[in-house]
C-alpha cells in the first residue's frame, strides 16, 4: 500500500480517480460503508432470486449486473483497507 492517505476505488479504471477511500477513516466508518454496499447487493440478489427473470430485458440485466459489480467492488475495496488497518504494524 502506498503512503497516500487516499486510495482510489477500483471498479472503474481511469487515469484520474474521482472516488477515493480515506485510509485514515475510523474503522467503524470503513466497516459501515462496506456493509452498506454489500447489504445493498445482497438485497438486490434476494430480489432476483424471488422473481422470474425470464421476462427481463437484456439491457435491464446488464444495468442490474453492473450495479451489483460496482457496489461489490466498492465494498471489497473498503474491506481491503479495513484489513490493512487491522494488521499489526
C-alpha atoms as a PDB file:
ATOM      1  CA  UNK A   1       0.000   0.000   0.000  1.00  0.00           C
ATOM      2  CA  UNK A   2       1.272   3.483  -0.836  1.00  0.00           C
ATOM      3  CA  UNK A   3       1.796   6.253   1.687  1.00  0.00           C
ATOM      4  CA  UNK A   4      -1.033   8.307   0.203  1.00  0.00           C
ATOM      5  CA  UNK A   5      -3.899   8.850   2.650  1.00  0.00           C
ATOM      6  CA  UNK A   6      -6.379   8.227  -0.168  1.00  0.00           C
ATOM      7  CA  UNK A   7      -6.919   5.043  -2.136  1.00  0.00           C
ATOM      8  CA  UNK A   8      -8.967   5.092  -5.352  1.00  0.00           C
ATOM      9  CA  UNK A   9     -11.935   2.796  -5.770  1.00  0.00           C
ATOM     10  CA  UNK A  10     -11.070   0.143  -8.349  1.00  0.00           C
ATOM     11  CA  UNK A  11     -14.420  -0.623 -10.015  1.00  0.00           C
ATOM     12  CA  UNK A  12     -13.800   1.932 -12.750  1.00  0.00           C
ATOM     13  CA  UNK A  13     -10.325   2.058 -14.262  1.00  0.00           C
ATOM     14  CA  UNK A  14      -9.409   5.628 -15.065  1.00  0.00           C
ATOM     15  CA  UNK A  15      -6.260   7.725 -15.006  1.00  0.00           C
ATOM     16  CA  UNK A  16      -7.663  10.314 -12.592  1.00  0.00           C
ATOM     17  CA  UNK A  17      -9.846   8.663  -9.941  1.00  0.00           C
ATOM     18  CA  UNK A  18     -12.760  10.708  -8.644  1.00  0.00           C
ATOM     19  CA  UNK A  19     -13.844   8.470  -5.764  1.00  0.00           C
ATOM     20  CA  UNK A  20     -11.338   7.766  -3.015  1.00  0.00           C
ATOM     21  CA  UNK A  21     -11.225   5.930   0.297  1.00  0.00           C
ATOM     22  CA  UNK A  22      -9.612   7.763   3.197  1.00  0.00           C
ATOM     23  CA  UNK A  23      -7.386   5.046   4.640  1.00  0.00           C
ATOM     24  CA  UNK A  24      -7.222   7.010   7.897  1.00  0.00           C
ATOM     25  CA  UNK A  25     -11.008   6.990   8.349  1.00  0.00           C
ATOM     26  CA  UNK A  26     -12.172   5.395  11.596  1.00  0.00           C
ATOM     27  CA  UNK A  27     -12.528   1.610  11.385  1.00  0.00           C
ATOM     28  CA  UNK A  28     -16.244   1.754  12.152  1.00  0.00           C
ATOM     29  CA  UNK A  29     -16.760   4.176   9.244  1.00  0.00           C
ATOM     30  CA  UNK A  30     -14.888   1.900   6.816  1.00  0.00           C
ATOM     31  CA  UNK A  31     -16.919  -1.059   8.087  1.00  0.00           C
ATOM     32  CA  UNK A  32     -20.250   0.792   7.851  1.00  0.00           C
ATOM     33  CA  UNK A  33     -19.564   1.846   4.261  1.00  0.00           C
ATOM     34  CA  UNK A  34     -18.501  -1.655   3.210  1.00  0.00           C
ATOM     35  CA  UNK A  35     -21.517  -3.173   4.960  1.00  0.00           C
ATOM     36  CA  UNK A  36     -23.937  -0.763   3.261  1.00  0.00           C
ATOM     37  CA  UNK A  37     -22.666  -1.724  -0.183  1.00  0.00           C
ATOM     38  CA  UNK A  38     -22.596  -5.475   0.437  1.00  0.00           C
ATOM     39  CA  UNK A  39     -26.071  -5.331   2.003  1.00  0.00           C
ATOM     40  CA  UNK A  40     -27.445  -3.413  -0.998  1.00  0.00           C
ATOM     41  CA  UNK A  41     -26.135  -6.097  -3.373  1.00  0.00           C
ATOM     42  CA  UNK A  42     -27.457  -8.854  -1.110  1.00  0.00           C
ATOM     43  CA  UNK A  43     -30.926  -7.308  -1.187  1.00  0.00           C
ATOM     44  CA  UNK A  44     -30.714  -6.908  -4.968  1.00  0.00           C
ATOM     45  CA  UNK A  45     -29.779 -10.572  -5.383  1.00  0.00           C
ATOM     46  CA  UNK A  46     -32.546 -11.635  -2.983  1.00  0.00           C
ATOM     47  CA  UNK A  47     -34.999  -9.737  -5.176  1.00  0.00           C
ATOM     48  CA  UNK A  48     -33.662 -11.538  -8.261  1.00  0.00           C
ATOM     49  CA  UNK A  49     -33.967 -14.932  -6.598  1.00  0.00           C
ATOM     50  CA  UNK A  50     -37.636 -14.363  -5.851  1.00  0.00           C
ATOM     51  CA  UNK A  51     -38.582 -13.142  -9.350  1.00  0.00           C
ATOM     52  CA  UNK A  52     -38.945 -14.697 -12.774  1.00  0.00           C
ATOM     53  CA  UNK A  53     -36.091 -13.111 -14.709  1.00  0.00           C
ATOM     54  CA  UNK A  54     -37.063 -14.811 -17.972  1.00  0.00           C
ATOM     55  CA  UNK A  55     -39.108 -11.736 -18.846  1.00  0.00           C
ATOM     56  CA  UNK A  56     -36.172  -9.416 -18.134  1.00  0.00           C
ATOM     57  CA  UNK A  57     -34.727  -7.373 -20.955  1.00  0.00           C
ATOM     58  CA  UNK A  58     -31.002  -7.915 -21.732  1.00  0.00           C
ATOM     59  CA  UNK A  59     -30.322  -4.215 -21.234  1.00  0.00           C
ATOM     60  CA  UNK A  60     -32.021  -4.265 -17.814  1.00  0.00           C
ATOM     61  CA  UNK A  61     -29.996  -7.315 -16.780  1.00  0.00           C
ATOM     62  CA  UNK A  62     -26.791  -5.558 -17.886  1.00  0.00           C
ATOM     63  CA  UNK A  63     -27.700  -2.475 -15.850  1.00  0.00           C
ATOM     64  CA  UNK A  64     -28.510  -4.552 -12.771  1.00  0.00           C
ATOM     65  CA  UNK A  65     -25.360  -6.672 -13.025  1.00  0.00           C
ATOM     66  CA  UNK A  66     -23.219  -3.548 -13.478  1.00  0.00           C
ATOM     67  CA  UNK A  67     -24.820  -2.017 -10.403  1.00  0.00           C
ATOM     68  CA  UNK A  68     -24.105  -5.163  -8.390  1.00  0.00           C
ATOM     69  CA  UNK A  69     -20.497  -5.242  -9.644  1.00  0.00           C
ATOM     70  CA  UNK A  70     -19.846  -1.609  -8.728  1.00  0.00           C
ATOM     71  CA  UNK A  71     -21.287  -1.983  -5.243  1.00  0.00           C
ATOM     72  CA  UNK A  72     -19.427  -5.245  -4.562  1.00  0.00           C
ATOM     73  CA  UNK A  73     -16.122  -3.868  -5.854  1.00  0.00           C
ATOM     74  CA  UNK A  74     -16.520  -0.760  -3.667  1.00  0.00           C
ATOM     75  CA  UNK A  75     -17.320  -2.982  -0.692  1.00  0.00           C
ATOM     76  CA  UNK A  76     -14.265  -5.159  -1.383  1.00  0.00           C
ATOM     77  CA  UNK A  77     -12.038  -2.079  -1.689  1.00  0.00           C
ATOM     78  CA  UNK A  78     -13.320  -0.807   1.658  1.00  0.00           C
ATOM     79  CA  UNK A  79     -12.818  -4.219   3.277  1.00  0.00           C
ATOM     80  CA  UNK A  80      -9.256  -4.351   1.911  1.00  0.00           C
ATOM     81  CA  UNK A  81      -8.451  -1.015   3.541  1.00  0.00           C
ATOM     82  CA  UNK A  82     -10.094  -2.211   6.752  1.00  0.00           C
ATOM     83  CA  UNK A  83      -7.980  -5.383   6.626  1.00  0.00           C
ATOM     84  CA  UNK A  84      -4.762  -3.390   6.111  1.00  0.00           C
ATOM     85  CA  UNK A  85      -5.663  -1.163   9.034  1.00  0.00           C
ATOM     86  CA  UNK A  86      -6.276  -4.163  11.302  1.00  0.00           C
ATOM     87  CA  UNK A  87      -2.859  -5.682  10.558  1.00  0.00           C
ATOM     88  CA  UNK A  88      -0.250  -5.216  13.290  1.00  0.00           C
ATOM     89  CA  UNK A  89       2.317  -2.600  12.321  1.00  0.00           C
END
